[in-house]
N, C-alpha and C. Protein backbone atom coordinates (compact mmCIF):
# COMPACT_ATOMS: atom_id res chain seq x y z
N UNK A 1 101.26 111.00 96.46
CA UNK A 1 101.03 109.35 96.42
C UNK A 1 100.94 109.08 94.81
N UNK A 2 101.98 108.25 94.36
CA UNK A 2 102.21 107.82 93.03
C UNK A 2 100.60 106.64 92.95
N UNK A 3 100.87 106.45 91.35
CA UNK A 3 99.51 105.94 91.36
C UNK A 3 99.77 104.26 91.58
N UNK A 4 101.16 103.94 91.48
CA UNK A 4 101.90 102.50 92.19
C UNK A 4 101.27 102.25 93.29
N UNK A 5 101.56 103.30 94.37
CA UNK A 5 101.67 103.11 95.77
C UNK A 5 100.12 103.29 96.03
N UNK A 6 99.12 103.85 95.44
CA UNK A 6 97.69 104.01 95.43
C UNK A 6 97.05 102.89 95.05
N UNK A 7 97.38 102.39 93.78
CA UNK A 7 96.64 100.99 93.61
C UNK A 7 97.25 99.98 94.45
N UNK A 8 98.40 99.85 94.94
CA UNK A 8 99.35 98.77 96.07
C UNK A 8 98.21 98.59 97.34
N UNK A 9 98.17 100.03 97.50
CA UNK A 9 97.33 100.09 99.04
C UNK A 9 95.80 99.56 98.60
N UNK A 10 95.42 99.77 97.64
CA UNK A 10 93.90 99.66 97.13
C UNK A 10 93.63 98.06 97.30
N UNK A 11 94.66 97.31 96.74
CA UNK A 11 94.83 96.02 96.62
C UNK A 11 94.89 95.20 98.05
N UNK A 12 95.61 96.01 99.00
CA UNK A 12 95.68 95.51 100.24
C UNK A 12 94.33 95.29 101.12
N UNK A 13 93.86 96.87 100.90
CA UNK A 13 92.37 96.91 101.24
C UNK A 13 91.62 96.03 101.06
N UNK A 14 91.68 95.57 99.64
CA UNK A 14 90.76 94.47 98.74
C UNK A 14 90.71 93.26 99.67
N UNK A 15 91.93 92.95 99.89
CA UNK A 15 92.63 91.53 99.81
C UNK A 15 91.66 91.26 101.71
N UNK A 16 92.28 92.57 102.54
CA UNK A 16 91.60 92.48 103.69
C UNK A 16 90.18 92.21 103.98
N UNK A 17 89.43 93.19 103.27
CA UNK A 17 87.88 92.79 103.10
C UNK A 17 87.64 91.86 102.87
N UNK A 18 88.27 91.02 101.52
CA UNK A 18 87.57 89.63 101.04
C UNK A 18 87.67 88.35 102.12
N UNK A 19 89.40 88.92 103.10
CA UNK A 19 89.35 87.97 104.05
C UNK A 19 88.45 87.89 105.21
N UNK A 20 88.09 89.34 105.44
CA UNK A 20 87.01 89.40 106.86
C UNK A 20 85.67 89.24 106.19
N UNK A 21 85.46 89.03 105.04
CA UNK A 21 84.09 88.25 104.56
C UNK A 21 83.95 87.25 104.54
N UNK A 22 84.90 86.46 104.28
CA UNK A 22 85.09 85.13 104.11
C UNK A 22 85.38 84.56 105.79
N UNK A 23 85.85 85.20 106.87
CA UNK A 23 85.41 84.70 108.02
C UNK A 23 84.58 84.73 108.36
N UNK A 24 83.59 86.16 108.22
CA UNK A 24 82.21 86.17 108.74
C UNK A 24 81.29 85.48 108.45
N UNK A 25 81.38 85.07 106.90
CA UNK A 25 80.25 83.90 106.10
C UNK A 25 80.56 82.67 106.79
N UNK A 26 81.76 82.14 107.02
CA UNK A 26 82.10 80.90 107.68
C UNK A 26 81.54 80.82 108.92
N UNK A 27 81.86 81.83 109.73
CA UNK A 27 81.16 82.17 111.08
C UNK A 27 79.76 81.79 110.76
N UNK A 28 79.28 82.27 110.06
CA UNK A 28 77.68 82.47 110.40
C UNK A 28 77.17 80.94 109.46
N UNK A 29 78.12 80.05 108.78
CA UNK A 29 77.25 79.01 108.52
C UNK A 29 77.88 77.75 109.29
N UNK A 30 78.78 77.65 110.08
CA UNK A 30 79.50 77.05 110.52
C UNK A 30 79.72 77.12 112.18
N UNK A 31 79.58 78.15 112.54
CA UNK A 31 79.74 78.66 113.62
C UNK A 31 78.69 78.44 114.72
N UNK A 32 78.69 78.27 115.96
CA UNK A 32 77.88 77.96 116.81
C UNK A 32 77.25 79.12 117.78
N UNK A 33 75.92 79.98 116.86
CA UNK A 33 75.81 81.41 117.03
C UNK A 33 74.62 81.15 117.68
N UNK A 34 74.70 82.12 118.61
CA UNK A 34 73.12 82.57 119.41
C UNK A 34 72.39 83.54 118.50
N UNK A 35 71.24 83.59 118.34
CA UNK A 35 70.68 84.66 117.58
C UNK A 35 70.90 85.92 117.64
N UNK A 36 71.45 86.30 118.69
CA UNK A 36 72.05 87.63 118.59
C UNK A 36 73.60 87.95 117.71
N UNK A 37 74.26 86.75 118.29
CA UNK A 37 75.46 86.74 117.20
C UNK A 37 75.30 86.60 115.73
N UNK A 38 74.11 85.77 115.54
CA UNK A 38 74.35 86.00 114.55
C UNK A 38 73.51 87.18 113.44
N UNK A 39 72.68 87.79 114.51
CA UNK A 39 72.40 89.37 113.80
C UNK A 39 73.90 90.40 114.01
N UNK A 40 74.53 90.15 114.68
CA UNK A 40 75.81 90.91 114.85
C UNK A 40 76.82 90.56 113.60
N UNK A 41 76.79 89.55 113.28
CA UNK A 41 77.54 88.87 111.95
C UNK A 41 76.99 89.49 110.83
N UNK A 42 75.74 89.35 110.84
CA UNK A 42 75.01 89.93 109.31
C UNK A 42 75.46 91.45 109.27
N UNK A 43 75.10 91.92 110.66
CA UNK A 43 75.32 93.91 110.46
C UNK A 43 76.59 93.74 109.94
N UNK A 44 77.65 93.06 110.41
CA UNK A 44 79.07 93.23 110.16
C UNK A 44 79.08 92.98 108.59
N UNK A 45 78.56 92.13 108.04
CA UNK A 45 78.67 92.16 106.57
C UNK A 45 77.77 93.07 105.79
N UNK A 46 76.54 93.51 106.55
CA UNK A 46 76.38 94.49 105.57
C UNK A 46 77.20 95.79 105.58
N UNK A 47 77.63 96.04 106.61
CA UNK A 47 78.68 97.37 106.62
C UNK A 47 79.63 97.20 105.87
N UNK A 48 80.18 95.94 105.45
CA UNK A 48 81.65 95.83 105.16
C UNK A 48 81.32 95.19 103.43
N UNK A 49 79.76 95.52 103.21
CA UNK A 49 79.56 95.35 101.69
C UNK A 49 79.26 93.91 101.40
N UNK A 50 79.30 92.87 101.98
CA UNK A 50 79.09 91.28 101.89
C UNK A 50 77.98 90.70 102.19
N UNK A 51 77.14 91.33 102.15
CA UNK A 51 75.67 91.18 102.36
C UNK A 51 75.32 89.37 101.99
N UNK A 52 74.49 89.10 102.86
CA UNK A 52 73.90 87.72 102.65
C UNK A 52 73.06 87.68 101.84
């Protein structure tokens, strides 16, 4: 894999990760979540490195 394609792939992964973090933090702030739901969202954020 060339450096170009490797960098392109890394950028795609970064964009997807950032988008998922935005979705989860929005859900955490404005979502109508139960206590268990909040714990689930926080756990997902911890896994992908977007900790609260």
